[in-house]
Amino acid sequence: MFRNLLVPLDGSRLAESVLPWTLWIAERFGSAVTLLHVLERGAPERVHGERHLADPEEAKRYLEDLASGFPERIAVSEHVHTAAEGDVPASIAQHAAELGADLTALCTHGASLTHGPLLGTIAQHVLRRAASPVLLLRPEMPATQHPGIERILVLLDGSREGEVVLPYVTALAERASAAVQVLIVVPTLSTVRGDRAAAARV
């Protein structure tokens, strides 16, 4: 299911928060991992208080150092996109397609775009543009060394499109021995607001 994992990193420890989860998934699915760094055009000198990676060779050494921390049983490769990009999320989504990634995993505050916070920029744009599943991890999640999933909440809306997620949920639940809870929210006249209210009353 998740044969190839793509992990975009910017050099910050916040972005690296996703690595224990990447290892956890790779071990359970036998996945190969690609560590990615995209050079950002006009990037700030520092990101989250740390020096921003702007040199291709430095970025390559950084990714190689992280890769060396993975167990030998996990196939890990590194890729540095050396042409500076103004649209980092588009580049990440494109790499996911070109590298055949089944899952792109990144931290919700692990990079910058136009020098703003990631939430609402990099992470959301990757989520919207990527054709394959995206795992978003909040850096404050208390699972730094020993991740685990005990319960999975699945949101459905009654459409066949929404049910596309079910095979992924099943595979993940089986390998994590996790419980699955399915939730459908049914709108009522008292809960519909804004422009939809008039149509709902009709």
N, C-alpha and C. Protein backbone atom coordinates (compact mmCIF):
# COMPACT_ATOMS: atom_id res chain seq x y z
N MET A 1 0.83 -1.20 0.00
CA MET A 1 0.00 0.00 0.00
C MET A 1 0.87 1.25 0.00
N PHE A 2 1.76 1.36 1.00
CA PHE A 2 2.70 2.49 1.06
C PHE A 2 4.10 1.97 0.74
N ARG A 3 4.37 1.78 -0.53
CA ARG A 3 5.66 1.21 -0.93
C ARG A 3 6.77 2.26 -0.96
N ASN A 4 6.40 3.50 -1.29
CA ASN A 4 7.39 4.57 -1.41
C ASN A 4 6.92 5.79 -0.62
N LEU A 5 7.73 6.22 0.34
CA LEU A 5 7.41 7.37 1.17
C LEU A 5 8.30 8.55 0.77
N LEU A 6 7.69 9.73 0.63
CA LEU A 6 8.44 10.94 0.33
C LEU A 6 8.39 11.86 1.54
N VAL A 7 9.56 12.32 1.99
CA VAL A 7 9.64 13.15 3.19
C VAL A 7 10.35 14.47 2.84
N PRO A 8 9.60 15.56 2.61
CA PRO A 8 10.23 16.87 2.36
C PRO A 8 10.77 17.45 3.66
N LEU A 9 11.99 17.97 3.63
CA LEU A 9 12.63 18.53 4.81
C LEU A 9 13.29 19.85 4.46
N ASP A 10 13.33 20.78 5.42
CA ASP A 10 13.93 22.08 5.17
C ASP A 10 15.18 22.33 6.01
N GLY A 11 15.58 21.34 6.81
CA GLY A 11 16.77 21.49 7.64
C GLY A 11 16.47 21.82 9.08
N SER A 12 15.21 22.07 9.42
CA SER A 12 14.85 22.41 10.79
C SER A 12 14.49 21.17 11.59
N ARG A 13 14.65 21.26 12.90
CA ARG A 13 14.27 20.15 13.77
C ARG A 13 12.76 19.97 13.80
N LEU A 14 12.01 21.05 13.57
CA LEU A 14 10.56 20.92 13.49
C LEU A 14 10.16 20.02 12.33
N ALA A 15 10.77 20.22 11.18
CA ALA A 15 10.47 19.38 10.03
C ALA A 15 10.83 17.93 10.29
N GLU A 16 11.89 17.71 11.06
CA GLU A 16 12.35 16.35 11.35
C GLU A 16 11.42 15.61 12.31
N SER A 17 10.43 16.31 12.87
CA SER A 17 9.47 15.65 13.76
C SER A 17 8.73 14.52 13.07
N VAL A 18 8.67 14.56 11.75
CA VAL A 18 7.95 13.54 11.00
C VAL A 18 8.75 12.26 10.84
N LEU A 19 10.05 12.29 11.10
CA LEU A 19 10.90 11.13 10.81
C LEU A 19 10.56 9.87 11.62
N PRO A 20 10.30 9.98 12.94
CA PRO A 20 9.93 8.75 13.66
C PRO A 20 8.67 8.09 13.09
N TRP A 21 7.71 8.91 12.65
CA TRP A 21 6.50 8.36 12.04
C TRP A 21 6.80 7.75 10.68
N THR A 22 7.71 8.36 9.94
CA THR A 22 8.11 7.80 8.66
C THR A 22 8.73 6.41 8.86
N LEU A 23 9.61 6.29 9.85
CA LEU A 23 10.22 5.00 10.15
C LEU A 23 9.17 3.99 10.58
N TRP A 24 8.23 4.43 11.40
CA TRP A 24 7.16 3.54 11.89
C TRP A 24 6.36 2.96 10.72
N ILE A 25 6.00 3.80 9.77
CA ILE A 25 5.23 3.35 8.60
C ILE A 25 6.09 2.46 7.72
N ALA A 26 7.35 2.87 7.48
CA ALA A 26 8.24 2.10 6.62
C ALA A 26 8.46 0.69 7.15
N GLU A 27 8.61 0.56 8.44
CA GLU A 27 8.84 -0.77 9.03
C GLU A 27 7.62 -1.66 8.89
N ARG A 28 6.43 -1.11 8.98
CA ARG A 28 5.22 -1.92 8.92
C ARG A 28 4.76 -2.24 7.51
N PHE A 29 5.13 -1.40 6.56
CA PHE A 29 4.72 -1.63 5.17
C PHE A 29 5.88 -2.04 4.27
N GLY A 30 7.08 -2.12 4.82
CA GLY A 30 8.24 -2.45 4.00
C GLY A 30 8.52 -1.38 2.96
N SER A 31 8.33 -0.13 3.34
CA SER A 31 8.43 0.99 2.41
C SER A 31 9.87 1.43 2.20
N ALA A 32 10.12 1.96 1.00
CA ALA A 32 11.35 2.70 0.73
C ALA A 32 11.08 4.17 1.05
N VAL A 33 12.11 4.89 1.46
CA VAL A 33 11.95 6.29 1.89
C VAL A 33 12.86 7.18 1.04
N THR A 34 12.29 8.29 0.55
CA THR A 34 13.07 9.30 -0.15
C THR A 34 13.01 10.60 0.65
N LEU A 35 14.17 11.08 1.08
CA LEU A 35 14.27 12.36 1.78
C LEU A 35 14.49 13.45 0.74
N LEU A 36 13.67 14.49 0.79
CA LEU A 36 13.68 15.53 -0.25
C LEU A 36 13.94 16.90 0.36
N HIS A 37 14.81 17.66 -0.31
CA HIS A 37 14.95 19.07 0.03
C HIS A 37 14.82 19.89 -1.25
N VAL A 38 13.91 20.86 -1.24
CA VAL A 38 13.70 21.74 -2.38
C VAL A 38 14.28 23.10 -2.04
N LEU A 39 15.24 23.54 -2.82
CA LEU A 39 15.81 24.87 -2.60
C LEU A 39 14.74 25.92 -2.90
N GLU A 40 14.57 26.86 -1.97
CA GLU A 40 13.53 27.88 -2.10
C GLU A 40 14.12 29.20 -2.58
N ARG A 41 13.52 29.74 -3.62
CA ARG A 41 13.98 31.03 -4.15
C ARG A 41 13.66 32.15 -3.16
N GLY A 42 14.66 32.96 -2.85
CA GLY A 42 14.45 34.07 -1.93
C GLY A 42 14.17 33.62 -0.51
N ALA A 43 14.69 32.46 -0.15
CA ALA A 43 14.44 31.91 1.19
C ALA A 43 15.09 32.77 2.26
N PRO A 44 14.49 32.82 3.46
CA PRO A 44 15.11 33.56 4.56
C PRO A 44 16.38 32.86 5.02
N GLU A 45 17.25 33.61 5.69
CA GLU A 45 18.50 33.02 6.18
C GLU A 45 18.25 32.00 7.28
N ARG A 46 17.17 32.19 8.03
CA ARG A 46 16.87 31.29 9.14
C ARG A 46 15.42 30.82 9.05
N VAL A 47 15.19 29.59 9.48
CA VAL A 47 13.85 29.04 9.52
C VAL A 47 13.64 28.42 10.90
N HIS A 48 12.62 28.89 11.60
CA HIS A 48 12.34 28.42 12.96
C HIS A 48 13.57 28.53 13.86
N GLY A 49 14.30 29.63 13.70
CA GLY A 49 15.46 29.87 14.54
C GLY A 49 16.72 29.14 14.13
N GLU A 50 16.67 28.40 13.03
CA GLU A 50 17.82 27.65 12.56
C GLU A 50 18.20 28.12 11.16
N ARG A 51 19.46 27.93 10.80
CA ARG A 51 19.93 28.37 9.50
C ARG A 51 19.24 27.61 8.38
N HIS A 52 18.74 28.35 7.41
CA HIS A 52 18.02 27.74 6.30
C HIS A 52 19.00 27.12 5.31
N LEU A 53 18.68 25.93 4.83
CA LEU A 53 19.54 25.26 3.86
C LEU A 53 19.35 25.88 2.49
N ALA A 54 20.39 26.53 1.99
CA ALA A 54 20.30 27.20 0.69
C ALA A 54 21.37 26.73 -0.28
N ASP A 55 22.31 25.90 0.20
CA ASP A 55 23.39 25.41 -0.65
C ASP A 55 23.14 23.93 -1.00
N PRO A 56 23.16 23.57 -2.29
CA PRO A 56 22.87 22.18 -2.68
C PRO A 56 23.76 21.15 -2.00
N GLU A 57 25.06 21.41 -1.91
CA GLU A 57 25.96 20.45 -1.30
C GLU A 57 25.69 20.30 0.19
N GLU A 58 25.40 21.41 0.84
CA GLU A 58 25.07 21.35 2.26
C GLU A 58 23.78 20.57 2.48
N ALA A 59 22.80 20.80 1.61
CA ALA A 59 21.53 20.08 1.71
C ALA A 59 21.74 18.59 1.49
N LYS A 60 22.60 18.24 0.54
CA LYS A 60 22.88 16.83 0.27
C LYS A 60 23.52 16.16 1.49
N ARG A 61 24.49 16.84 2.09
CA ARG A 61 25.14 16.27 3.28
C ARG A 61 24.13 16.14 4.42
N TYR A 62 23.25 17.10 4.56
CA TYR A 62 22.23 17.06 5.61
C TYR A 62 21.31 15.85 5.43
N LEU A 63 20.84 15.62 4.22
CA LEU A 63 19.96 14.48 3.97
C LEU A 63 20.70 13.16 4.16
N GLU A 64 21.94 13.11 3.72
CA GLU A 64 22.73 11.88 3.89
C GLU A 64 22.94 11.56 5.36
N ASP A 65 23.14 12.60 6.16
CA ASP A 65 23.32 12.39 7.60
C ASP A 65 22.04 11.84 8.23
N LEU A 66 20.88 12.37 7.82
CA LEU A 66 19.61 11.85 8.34
C LEU A 66 19.38 10.41 7.87
N ALA A 67 19.73 10.14 6.62
CA ALA A 67 19.52 8.79 6.08
C ALA A 67 20.35 7.77 6.83
N SER A 68 21.54 8.17 7.28
CA SER A 68 22.41 7.24 8.00
C SER A 68 21.82 6.83 9.35
N GLY A 69 20.84 7.58 9.84
CA GLY A 69 20.21 7.25 11.11
C GLY A 69 19.10 6.22 10.99
N PHE A 70 18.71 5.87 9.75
CA PHE A 70 17.69 4.85 9.55
C PHE A 70 18.32 3.46 9.66
N PRO A 71 17.56 2.47 10.12
CA PRO A 71 18.09 1.10 10.16
C PRO A 71 18.43 0.62 8.75
N GLU A 72 19.40 -0.27 8.65
CA GLU A 72 19.85 -0.75 7.35
C GLU A 72 18.74 -1.49 6.59
N ARG A 73 17.77 -2.01 7.31
CA ARG A 73 16.69 -2.74 6.65
C ARG A 73 15.74 -1.84 5.88
N ILE A 74 15.83 -0.52 6.10
CA ILE A 74 14.99 0.44 5.40
C ILE A 74 15.79 1.05 4.25
N ALA A 75 15.27 0.96 3.03
CA ALA A 75 15.94 1.56 1.87
C ALA A 75 15.66 3.05 1.86
N VAL A 76 16.71 3.85 2.01
CA VAL A 76 16.57 5.30 2.07
C VAL A 76 17.43 5.95 0.98
N SER A 77 16.83 6.89 0.25
CA SER A 77 17.57 7.65 -0.75
C SER A 77 17.36 9.14 -0.48
N GLU A 78 18.22 9.96 -1.07
CA GLU A 78 18.15 11.40 -0.86
C GLU A 78 18.02 12.09 -2.22
N HIS A 79 17.25 13.18 -2.23
CA HIS A 79 17.12 13.95 -3.47
C HIS A 79 17.07 15.43 -3.13
N VAL A 80 17.96 16.20 -3.74
CA VAL A 80 17.98 17.65 -3.58
C VAL A 80 17.57 18.28 -4.90
N HIS A 81 16.51 19.08 -4.88
CA HIS A 81 16.08 19.82 -6.08
C HIS A 81 16.90 21.10 -6.11
N THR A 82 17.89 21.13 -6.98
CA THR A 82 18.90 22.19 -6.92
C THR A 82 18.46 23.50 -7.57
N ALA A 83 17.48 23.46 -8.45
CA ALA A 83 16.99 24.70 -9.06
C ALA A 83 16.04 25.38 -8.07
N ALA A 84 16.38 26.58 -7.64
CA ALA A 84 15.58 27.28 -6.63
C ALA A 84 14.15 27.48 -7.13
N GLU A 85 13.20 27.11 -6.29
CA GLU A 85 11.78 27.17 -6.65
C GLU A 85 11.07 28.29 -5.91
N GLY A 86 10.20 28.99 -6.61
CA GLY A 86 9.36 29.98 -5.96
C GLY A 86 8.10 29.35 -5.41
N ASP A 87 7.69 28.22 -5.99
CA ASP A 87 6.49 27.51 -5.56
C ASP A 87 6.92 26.15 -5.01
N VAL A 88 7.29 26.13 -3.73
CA VAL A 88 7.79 24.90 -3.11
C VAL A 88 6.73 23.80 -3.05
N PRO A 89 5.46 24.09 -2.66
CA PRO A 89 4.46 23.02 -2.62
C PRO A 89 4.25 22.35 -3.97
N ALA A 90 4.26 23.13 -5.05
CA ALA A 90 4.09 22.55 -6.38
C ALA A 90 5.25 21.61 -6.69
N SER A 91 6.45 22.01 -6.30
CA SER A 91 7.62 21.16 -6.54
C SER A 91 7.53 19.87 -5.75
N ILE A 92 7.08 19.96 -4.49
CA ILE A 92 6.93 18.74 -3.67
C ILE A 92 5.91 17.80 -4.29
N ALA A 93 4.76 18.35 -4.72
CA ALA A 93 3.73 17.53 -5.34
C ALA A 93 4.22 16.90 -6.63
N GLN A 94 5.00 17.65 -7.40
CA GLN A 94 5.55 17.12 -8.64
C GLN A 94 6.54 16.00 -8.37
N HIS A 95 7.39 16.18 -7.35
CA HIS A 95 8.34 15.13 -7.00
C HIS A 95 7.61 13.88 -6.54
N ALA A 96 6.51 14.05 -5.79
CA ALA A 96 5.74 12.89 -5.34
C ALA A 96 5.24 12.09 -6.53
N ALA A 97 4.79 12.78 -7.58
CA ALA A 97 4.31 12.10 -8.77
C ALA A 97 5.46 11.45 -9.54
N GLU A 98 6.56 12.20 -9.73
CA GLU A 98 7.68 11.69 -10.51
C GLU A 98 8.38 10.51 -9.84
N LEU A 99 8.45 10.55 -8.50
CA LEU A 99 9.13 9.49 -7.77
C LEU A 99 8.21 8.33 -7.41
N GLY A 100 6.94 8.44 -7.76
CA GLY A 100 6.00 7.37 -7.48
C GLY A 100 5.71 7.20 -6.00
N ALA A 101 5.64 8.31 -5.27
CA ALA A 101 5.39 8.24 -3.83
C ALA A 101 3.95 7.84 -3.56
N ASP A 102 3.76 6.86 -2.69
CA ASP A 102 2.43 6.45 -2.27
C ASP A 102 1.95 7.28 -1.09
N LEU A 103 2.89 7.97 -0.42
CA LEU A 103 2.56 8.80 0.73
C LEU A 103 3.63 9.87 0.88
N THR A 104 3.19 11.11 1.04
CA THR A 104 4.10 12.22 1.34
C THR A 104 3.88 12.62 2.79
N ALA A 105 4.94 12.59 3.58
CA ALA A 105 4.83 12.87 5.01
C ALA A 105 5.60 14.14 5.34
N LEU A 106 4.93 15.10 5.97
CA LEU A 106 5.62 16.33 6.36
C LEU A 106 4.99 16.93 7.59
N CYS A 107 5.77 17.76 8.26
CA CYS A 107 5.33 18.42 9.48
C CYS A 107 4.58 19.70 9.12
N THR A 108 3.54 20.02 9.88
CA THR A 108 2.71 21.17 9.54
C THR A 108 3.37 22.50 9.82
N HIS A 109 4.52 22.51 10.46
CA HIS A 109 5.26 23.75 10.64
C HIS A 109 6.72 23.53 10.27
N GLY A 110 6.97 22.70 9.25
CA GLY A 110 8.33 22.30 8.96
C GLY A 110 9.02 23.04 7.85
N ALA A 111 8.41 24.09 7.31
CA ALA A 111 9.07 24.85 6.24
C ALA A 111 8.41 26.21 6.16
N SER A 112 8.88 27.02 5.22
CA SER A 112 8.28 28.34 5.08
C SER A 112 7.96 28.63 3.63
N LEU A 113 7.03 29.51 3.41
CA LEU A 113 6.67 29.97 2.09
C LEU A 113 6.35 31.44 2.21
N THR A 114 7.01 32.25 1.44
CA THR A 114 6.91 33.70 1.57
C THR A 114 7.11 34.12 3.02
N HIS A 115 7.98 33.35 3.73
CA HIS A 115 8.41 33.67 5.09
C HIS A 115 7.27 33.62 6.09
N GLY A 116 6.20 32.92 5.80
CA GLY A 116 5.09 32.82 6.73
C GLY A 116 5.06 31.46 7.37
N PRO A 117 4.13 31.22 8.30
CA PRO A 117 4.01 29.89 8.92
C PRO A 117 3.55 28.86 7.91
N LEU A 118 3.93 27.62 8.15
CA LEU A 118 3.60 26.59 7.18
C LEU A 118 2.11 26.28 7.14
N LEU A 119 1.44 26.25 8.29
CA LEU A 119 0.04 25.89 8.31
C LEU A 119 -0.73 26.90 7.48
N GLY A 120 -1.39 26.44 6.42
CA GLY A 120 -2.06 27.34 5.53
C GLY A 120 -1.23 27.68 4.31
N THR A 121 0.04 27.25 4.28
CA THR A 121 0.88 27.51 3.11
C THR A 121 1.42 26.19 2.57
N ILE A 122 2.63 25.82 2.94
CA ILE A 122 3.25 24.61 2.38
C ILE A 122 2.35 23.39 2.58
N ALA A 123 1.99 23.08 3.81
CA ALA A 123 1.25 21.85 4.09
C ALA A 123 -0.09 21.81 3.37
N GLN A 124 -0.87 22.88 3.46
CA GLN A 124 -2.17 22.90 2.81
C GLN A 124 -2.05 22.81 1.30
N HIS A 125 -1.07 23.51 0.74
CA HIS A 125 -0.92 23.49 -0.71
C HIS A 125 -0.46 22.13 -1.21
N VAL A 126 0.42 21.47 -0.48
CA VAL A 126 0.82 20.12 -0.85
C VAL A 126 -0.39 19.19 -0.77
N LEU A 127 -1.17 19.35 0.28
CA LEU A 127 -2.37 18.52 0.46
C LEU A 127 -3.34 18.69 -0.71
N ARG A 128 -3.47 19.91 -1.20
CA ARG A 128 -4.40 20.18 -2.30
C ARG A 128 -3.87 19.70 -3.64
N ARG A 129 -2.56 19.73 -3.82
CA ARG A 129 -1.99 19.47 -5.14
C ARG A 129 -1.53 18.04 -5.34
N ALA A 130 -1.18 17.35 -4.28
CA ALA A 130 -0.64 16.00 -4.43
C ALA A 130 -1.72 15.02 -4.87
N ALA A 131 -1.37 14.15 -5.79
CA ALA A 131 -2.32 13.16 -6.28
C ALA A 131 -2.37 11.93 -5.38
N SER A 132 -1.36 11.74 -4.54
CA SER A 132 -1.31 10.60 -3.62
C SER A 132 -1.56 11.08 -2.19
N PRO A 133 -1.80 10.17 -1.25
CA PRO A 133 -2.09 10.56 0.14
C PRO A 133 -0.98 11.38 0.77
N VAL A 134 -1.37 12.25 1.70
CA VAL A 134 -0.44 13.13 2.42
C VAL A 134 -0.66 12.95 3.91
N LEU A 135 0.42 12.71 4.65
CA LEU A 135 0.37 12.63 6.10
C LEU A 135 0.89 13.94 6.67
N LEU A 136 0.07 14.63 7.46
CA LEU A 136 0.48 15.86 8.11
C LEU A 136 0.62 15.60 9.60
N LEU A 137 1.76 15.96 10.14
CA LEU A 137 2.04 15.73 11.56
C LEU A 137 2.28 17.05 12.26
N ARG A 138 1.59 17.31 13.35
CA ARG A 138 1.88 18.48 14.16
C ARG A 138 3.14 18.22 14.97
N PRO A 139 4.07 19.17 15.00
CA PRO A 139 5.35 18.93 15.69
C PRO A 139 5.21 18.73 17.18
N GLU A 140 4.11 19.21 17.78
CA GLU A 140 3.94 19.08 19.22
C GLU A 140 3.33 17.75 19.63
N MET A 141 3.05 16.86 18.66
CA MET A 141 2.49 15.56 18.99
C MET A 141 3.48 14.76 19.83
N PRO A 142 3.05 14.19 20.96
CA PRO A 142 3.97 13.52 21.90
C PRO A 142 4.33 12.10 21.47
N ALA A 143 5.06 12.00 20.35
CA ALA A 143 5.47 10.67 19.88
C ALA A 143 6.83 10.75 19.23
N THR A 144 7.77 11.39 19.90
CA THR A 144 9.04 11.71 19.27
C THR A 144 9.85 10.47 18.91
N GLN A 145 9.84 9.45 19.75
CA GLN A 145 10.67 8.29 19.49
C GLN A 145 9.88 7.00 19.29
N HIS A 146 8.68 6.94 19.85
CA HIS A 146 7.92 5.69 19.78
C HIS A 146 6.49 5.98 19.33
N PRO A 147 6.31 6.25 18.02
CA PRO A 147 4.97 6.52 17.51
C PRO A 147 4.09 5.29 17.60
N GLY A 148 2.81 5.51 17.52
CA GLY A 148 1.86 4.42 17.51
C GLY A 148 0.47 4.95 17.25
N ILE A 149 -0.38 4.13 16.68
CA ILE A 149 -1.76 4.51 16.39
C ILE A 149 -2.68 3.51 17.07
N GLU A 150 -3.54 4.01 17.93
CA GLU A 150 -4.47 3.14 18.64
C GLU A 150 -5.89 3.26 18.12
N ARG A 151 -6.26 4.44 17.59
CA ARG A 151 -7.62 4.65 17.10
C ARG A 151 -7.58 5.53 15.86
N ILE A 152 -8.34 5.15 14.84
CA ILE A 152 -8.42 5.90 13.59
C ILE A 152 -9.84 6.41 13.41
N LEU A 153 -9.99 7.70 13.22
CA LEU A 153 -11.30 8.31 12.96
C LEU A 153 -11.44 8.53 11.46
N VAL A 154 -12.49 7.98 10.88
CA VAL A 154 -12.73 8.07 9.44
C VAL A 154 -13.97 8.93 9.22
N LEU A 155 -13.80 10.03 8.50
CA LEU A 155 -14.92 10.93 8.21
C LEU A 155 -15.47 10.62 6.83
N LEU A 156 -16.76 10.28 6.77
CA LEU A 156 -17.42 9.98 5.50
C LEU A 156 -18.61 10.91 5.31
N ASP A 157 -18.97 11.12 4.04
CA ASP A 157 -20.11 11.98 3.74
C ASP A 157 -21.20 11.26 2.95
N GLY A 158 -21.07 9.94 2.83
CA GLY A 158 -22.08 9.17 2.11
C GLY A 158 -21.79 9.02 0.63
N SER A 159 -20.73 9.65 0.14
CA SER A 159 -20.39 9.58 -1.29
C SER A 159 -19.36 8.48 -1.54
N ARG A 160 -19.35 7.98 -2.78
CA ARG A 160 -18.35 6.97 -3.16
C ARG A 160 -16.95 7.57 -3.16
N GLU A 161 -16.87 8.87 -3.46
CA GLU A 161 -15.56 9.52 -3.46
C GLU A 161 -14.94 9.48 -2.07
N GLY A 162 -15.77 9.70 -1.05
CA GLY A 162 -15.26 9.67 0.31
C GLY A 162 -14.79 8.31 0.75
N GLU A 163 -15.34 7.25 0.15
CA GLU A 163 -14.99 5.89 0.54
C GLU A 163 -13.66 5.43 -0.04
N VAL A 164 -13.05 6.25 -0.90
CA VAL A 164 -11.74 5.90 -1.47
C VAL A 164 -10.70 5.70 -0.37
N VAL A 165 -10.91 6.35 0.78
CA VAL A 165 -9.94 6.28 1.88
C VAL A 165 -9.97 4.93 2.60
N LEU A 166 -11.04 4.17 2.45
CA LEU A 166 -11.24 2.97 3.27
C LEU A 166 -10.16 1.91 3.11
N PRO A 167 -9.67 1.60 1.90
CA PRO A 167 -8.58 0.60 1.80
C PRO A 167 -7.33 1.02 2.56
N TYR A 168 -7.02 2.33 2.56
CA TYR A 168 -5.86 2.82 3.30
C TYR A 168 -6.09 2.68 4.81
N VAL A 169 -7.31 2.98 5.24
CA VAL A 169 -7.64 2.85 6.66
C VAL A 169 -7.52 1.39 7.10
N THR A 170 -8.05 0.50 6.28
CA THR A 170 -8.00 -0.93 6.61
C THR A 170 -6.56 -1.42 6.74
N ALA A 171 -5.73 -1.07 5.76
CA ALA A 171 -4.33 -1.51 5.79
C ALA A 171 -3.60 -0.94 7.00
N LEU A 172 -3.83 0.34 7.29
CA LEU A 172 -3.16 0.97 8.42
C LEU A 172 -3.64 0.39 9.74
N ALA A 173 -4.94 0.16 9.86
CA ALA A 173 -5.49 -0.40 11.09
C ALA A 173 -4.96 -1.81 11.35
N GLU A 174 -4.84 -2.60 10.30
CA GLU A 174 -4.34 -3.97 10.46
C GLU A 174 -2.90 -3.98 10.95
N ARG A 175 -2.06 -3.13 10.38
CA ARG A 175 -0.65 -3.14 10.76
C ARG A 175 -0.40 -2.45 12.09
N ALA A 176 -1.31 -1.57 12.50
CA ALA A 176 -1.15 -0.88 13.77
C ALA A 176 -1.98 -1.50 14.88
N SER A 177 -2.78 -2.52 14.54
CA SER A 177 -3.73 -3.12 15.50
C SER A 177 -4.58 -2.03 16.14
N ALA A 178 -5.08 -1.14 15.29
CA ALA A 178 -5.83 0.02 15.76
C ALA A 178 -7.32 -0.19 15.58
N ALA A 179 -8.08 0.45 16.46
CA ALA A 179 -9.54 0.47 16.34
C ALA A 179 -9.94 1.54 15.32
N VAL A 180 -11.05 1.31 14.64
CA VAL A 180 -11.54 2.25 13.63
C VAL A 180 -12.92 2.74 14.02
N GLN A 181 -13.09 4.05 13.99
CA GLN A 181 -14.39 4.65 14.25
C GLN A 181 -14.79 5.46 13.03
N VAL A 182 -16.00 5.22 12.52
CA VAL A 182 -16.49 5.91 11.35
C VAL A 182 -17.50 6.97 11.78
N LEU A 183 -17.36 8.17 11.21
CA LEU A 183 -18.23 9.28 11.60
C LEU A 183 -18.84 9.92 10.36
N ILE A 184 -20.16 10.09 10.39
CA ILE A 184 -20.88 10.85 9.37
C ILE A 184 -21.65 11.96 10.09
N VAL A 185 -21.43 13.19 9.68
CA VAL A 185 -22.14 14.33 10.26
C VAL A 185 -23.34 14.63 9.39
N VAL A 186 -24.52 14.59 9.98
CA VAL A 186 -25.76 14.85 9.25
C VAL A 186 -26.21 16.28 9.52
N PRO A 187 -26.24 17.14 8.50
CA PRO A 187 -26.68 18.52 8.72
C PRO A 187 -28.18 18.60 8.97
N THR A 188 -28.59 19.49 9.82
CA THR A 188 -30.01 19.75 10.09
C THR A 188 -30.28 21.23 9.88
N LEU A 189 -31.54 21.59 9.86
CA LEU A 189 -31.89 22.99 9.66
C LEU A 189 -31.29 23.90 10.72
N SER A 190 -31.14 23.37 11.91
CA SER A 190 -30.62 24.20 13.00
C SER A 190 -29.10 24.37 12.94
N THR A 191 -28.42 23.52 12.15
CA THR A 191 -26.96 23.61 12.12
C THR A 191 -26.41 24.21 10.83
N VAL A 192 -27.23 24.30 9.77
CA VAL A 192 -26.76 24.87 8.51
C VAL A 192 -26.74 26.38 8.62
N ARG A 193 -25.64 26.97 8.23
CA ARG A 193 -25.46 28.41 8.37
C ARG A 193 -25.08 29.05 7.03
N GLY A 194 -25.11 30.36 6.99
CA GLY A 194 -24.61 31.12 5.86
C GLY A 194 -25.45 30.95 4.61
N ASP A 195 -24.77 30.92 3.45
CA ASP A 195 -25.46 30.87 2.16
C ASP A 195 -26.25 29.58 1.96
N ARG A 196 -25.88 28.54 2.68
CA ARG A 196 -26.56 27.25 2.50
C ARG A 196 -27.88 27.18 3.25
N ALA A 197 -28.11 28.10 4.15
CA ALA A 197 -29.29 28.03 5.03
C ALA A 197 -30.60 28.09 4.22
N ALA A 198 -30.68 29.03 3.28
CA ALA A 198 -31.92 29.19 2.50
C ALA A 198 -32.22 27.94 1.69
N ALA A 199 -31.20 27.40 1.00
CA ALA A 199 -31.40 26.20 0.21
C ALA A 199 -31.79 25.01 1.09
N ALA A 200 -31.19 24.94 2.29
CA ALA A 200 -31.50 23.84 3.19
C ALA A 200 -32.95 23.88 3.65
N ARG A 201 -33.46 25.08 3.88
CA ARG A 201 -34.86 25.20 4.31
C ARG A 201 -35.82 24.75 3.20
N VAL A 202 -35.45 25.05 1.95
CA VAL A 202 -36.26 24.60 0.82
C VAL A 202 -36.26 23.07 0.72
